[in-house]
C-alpha atoms as a PDB file:
ATOM      1  CA  MET A   1     115.467 125.947 158.711  1.00  0.00           C
ATOM      2  CA  ASN A   2     115.573 123.794 155.599  1.00  0.00           C
ATOM      3  CA  LYS A   3     119.017 123.031 153.897  1.00  0.00           C
ATOM      4  CA  LYS A   4     118.965 123.322 150.171  1.00  0.00           C
ATOM      5  CA  PHE A   5     121.641 121.250 148.957  1.00  0.00           C
ATOM      6  CA  LYS A   6     122.338 120.890 144.753  1.00  0.00           C
ATOM      7  CA  ILE A   7     123.443 117.387 145.389  1.00  0.00           C
ATOM      8  CA  LYS A   8     121.508 114.428 145.401  1.00  0.00           C
ATOM      9  CA  THR A   9     121.776 110.872 145.980  1.00  0.00           C
ATOM     10  CA  GLY A  10     122.662 109.110 143.004  1.00  0.00           C
ATOM     11  CA  ASP A  11     124.590 111.962 141.373  1.00  0.00           C
ATOM     12  CA  ARG A  12     128.024 111.519 139.720  1.00  0.00           C
ATOM     13  CA  VAL A  13     130.626 113.758 141.955  1.00  0.00           C
ATOM     14  CA  ILE A  14     134.220 114.719 141.787  1.00  0.00           C
ATOM     15  CA  ILE A  15     136.360 114.856 145.048  1.00  0.00           C
ATOM     16  CA  ILE A  16     138.217 118.201 144.911  1.00  0.00           C
ATOM     17  CA  CYS A  17     140.400 118.147 148.058  1.00  0.00           C
ATOM     18  CA  GLY A  18     141.569 115.824 150.670  1.00  0.00           C
ATOM     19  CA  LYS A  19     142.987 112.747 150.150  1.00  0.00           C
ATOM     20  CA  ASP A  20     140.988 110.986 147.277  1.00  0.00           C
ATOM     21  CA  LYS A  21     141.178 114.430 145.448  1.00  0.00           C
ATOM     22  CA  GLY A  22     140.408 113.266 141.606  1.00  0.00           C
ATOM     23  CA  LYS A  23     138.572 110.240 142.364  1.00  0.00           C
ATOM     24  CA  THR A  24     134.732 109.990 141.420  1.00  0.00           C
ATOM     25  CA  GLY A  25     131.812 108.072 142.315  1.00  0.00           C
ATOM     26  CA  ASN A  26     127.960 108.155 143.031  1.00  0.00           C
ATOM     27  CA  VAL A  27     126.481 109.827 146.357  1.00  0.00           C
ATOM     28  CA  THR A  28     124.866 106.877 148.174  1.00  0.00           C
ATOM     29  CA  SER A  29     123.370 109.296 150.900  1.00  0.00           C
ATOM     30  CA  VAL A  30     123.081 112.615 151.826  1.00  0.00           C
ATOM     31  CA  ILE A  31     123.387 113.820 155.273  1.00  0.00           C
ATOM     32  CA  LYS A  32     121.475 117.103 155.529  1.00  0.00           C
ATOM     33  CA  SER A  33     122.056 117.598 159.532  1.00  0.00           C
ATOM     34  CA  ASN A  34     125.747 117.637 158.946  1.00  0.00           C
ATOM     35  CA  ASP A  35     126.238 118.771 155.735  1.00  0.00           C
ATOM     36  CA  ARG A  36     127.859 115.276 154.541  1.00  0.00           C
ATOM     37  CA  VAL A  37     127.591 113.330 151.890  1.00  0.00           C
ATOM     38  CA  ILE A  38     128.637 109.377 151.674  1.00  0.00           C
ATOM     39  CA  VAL A  39     129.955 108.583 148.251  1.00  0.00           C
ATOM     40  CA  GLU A  40     130.907 104.817 147.039  1.00  0.00           C
ATOM     41  CA  GLY A  41     134.333 103.654 147.446  1.00  0.00           C
ATOM     42  CA  ILE A  42     135.538 107.033 148.658  1.00  0.00           C
ATOM     43  CA  ASN A  43     137.074 108.002 152.232  1.00  0.00           C
ATOM     44  CA  ILE A  44     137.233 104.109 153.035  1.00  0.00           C
ATOM     45  CA  VAL A  45     137.714 103.509 156.523  1.00  0.00           C
ATOM     46  CA  LYS A  46     138.587 100.453 158.596  1.00  0.00           C
ATOM     47  CA  ARG A  47     136.685  99.401 161.774  1.00  0.00           C
ATOM     48  CA  HIS A  48     138.226  97.091 163.782  1.00  0.00           C
ATOM     49  CA  ARG A  49     135.498  94.412 165.278  1.00  0.00           C
ATOM     50  CA  LYS A  50     135.753  92.875 168.499  1.00  0.00           C
ATOM     51  CA  ALA A  51     135.158  89.114 168.627  1.00  0.00           C
ATOM     52  CA  THR A  52     131.903  88.009 170.380  1.00  0.00           C
ATOM     53  CA  GLN A  53     130.767  84.281 170.844  1.00  0.00           C
ATOM     54  CA  GLU A  54     128.653  84.543 167.351  1.00  0.00           C
ATOM     55  CA  SER A  55     131.369  85.795 165.341  1.00  0.00           C
ATOM     56  CA  PRO A  56     135.076  85.767 165.326  1.00  0.00           C
ATOM     57  CA  GLY A  57     137.129  89.671 165.294  1.00  0.00           C
ATOM     58  CA  LYS A  58     137.802  91.189 161.894  1.00  0.00           C
ATOM     59  CA  ILE A  59     138.675  94.643 160.314  1.00  0.00           C
ATOM     60  CA  GLU A  60     135.983  95.829 158.117  1.00  0.00           C
ATOM     61  CA  GLU A  61     136.372  98.166 155.463  1.00  0.00           C
ATOM     62  CA  LYS A  62     133.722 100.918 154.665  1.00  0.00           C
ATOM     63  CA  GLU A  63     132.672 104.432 153.184  1.00  0.00           C
ATOM     64  CA  ALA A  64     132.763 107.290 155.753  1.00  0.00           C
ATOM     65  CA  SER A  65     131.185 110.755 154.982  1.00  0.00           C
ATOM     66  CA  ILE A  66     133.108 113.539 153.620  1.00  0.00           C
ATOM     67  CA  HIS A  67     132.083 117.043 153.663  1.00  0.00           C
ATOM     68  CA  ILE A  68     129.657 118.366 150.751  1.00  0.00           C
ATOM     69  CA  SER A  69     131.939 121.307 150.082  1.00  0.00           C
ATOM     70  CA  ASN A  70     134.889 118.928 148.960  1.00  0.00           C
ATOM     71  CA  VAL A  71     133.129 117.367 146.474  1.00  0.00           C
ATOM     72  CA  ALA A  72     131.671 118.807 142.982  1.00  0.00           C
ATOM     73  CA  HIS A  73     129.378 117.558 139.951  1.00  0.00           C
ATOM     74  CA  VAL A  74     130.996 116.144 137.247  1.00  0.00           C
ATOM     75  CA  ASP A  75     130.409 117.429 133.858  1.00  0.00           C
ATOM     76  CA  PRO A  76     128.489 114.852 131.473  1.00  0.00           C
ATOM     77  CA  GLU A  77     130.619 115.694 128.506  1.00  0.00           C
ATOM     78  CA  ASN A  78     133.972 116.197 129.893  1.00  0.00           C
ATOM     79  CA  GLY A  79     134.573 114.973 132.800  1.00  0.00           C
ATOM     80  CA  LYS A  80     135.397 117.878 134.902  1.00  0.00           C
ATOM     81  CA  ALA A  81     134.010 119.446 137.839  1.00  0.00           C
ATOM     82  CA  THR A  82     131.330 121.654 137.330  1.00  0.00           C
ATOM     83  CA  ARG A  83     128.635 124.106 139.186  1.00  0.00           C
ATOM     84  CA  VAL A  84     125.174 123.337 138.656  1.00  0.00           C
ATOM     85  CA  ARG A  85     122.422 126.303 137.187  1.00  0.00           C
ATOM     86  CA  TYR A  86     118.761 125.384 137.324  1.00  0.00           C
ATOM     87  CA  GLU A  87     116.264 126.171 134.369  1.00  0.00           C
ATOM     88  CA  ILE A  88     112.556 126.100 134.015  1.00  0.00           C
ATOM     89  CA  LYS A  89     111.360 124.930 130.565  1.00  0.00           C
ATOM     90  CA  ASP A  90     107.893 123.934 130.343  1.00  0.00           C
ATOM     91  CA  GLY A  91     107.261 123.815 134.195  1.00  0.00           C
ATOM     92  CA  VAL A  92     109.929 121.739 134.478  1.00  0.00           C
ATOM     93  CA  LYS A  93     113.088 122.483 136.732  1.00  0.00           C
ATOM     94  CA  ARG A  94     116.338 121.109 135.184  1.00  0.00           C
ATOM     95  CA  ARG A  95     119.403 121.174 136.663  1.00  0.00           C
ATOM     96  CA  LEU A  96     122.312 121.727 134.207  1.00  0.00           C
ATOM     97  CA  SER A  97     126.039 122.006 133.771  1.00  0.00           C
ATOM     98  CA  VAL A  98     127.573 125.624 134.214  1.00  0.00           C
ATOM     99  CA  ILE A  99     130.518 124.564 131.932  1.00  0.00           C
ATOM    100  CA  SER A 100     128.684 122.638 128.963  1.00  0.00           C
ATOM    101  CA  GLY A 101     124.923 123.479 129.565  1.00  0.00           C
ATOM    102  CA  SER A 102     124.360 119.834 128.945  1.00  0.00           C
ATOM    103  CA  LEU A 103     121.403 117.947 131.197  1.00  0.00           C
ATOM    104  CA  ILE A 104     122.341 116.362 134.942  1.00  0.00           C
ATOM    105  CA  ASP A 105     119.572 114.818 135.673  1.00  0.00           C
ATOM    106  CA  LYS A 106     118.837 111.344 134.450  1.00  0.00           C
END
């Protein structure tokens, strides 16, 4: 069964719950198999890398995935969380904000 999400790579989203609640960022990737997204600058975790002969040990920071239910689109006009509706005009399907009706697609 194919999963369909309204959130796509490159969308501007806001975090609606969790430790990063209220922060916004762009979606880097969508992991459909686990219903998760990776948002740049959000949910930063530290990974400890053991030293090897080629490189010294270090602590890396990277973005971890966040469940897709914890993010929402950002309304382009007022910057608040919004849902998405679809409109077909002249044979072109477009995504619109429910709050303001403004276009979400670039």
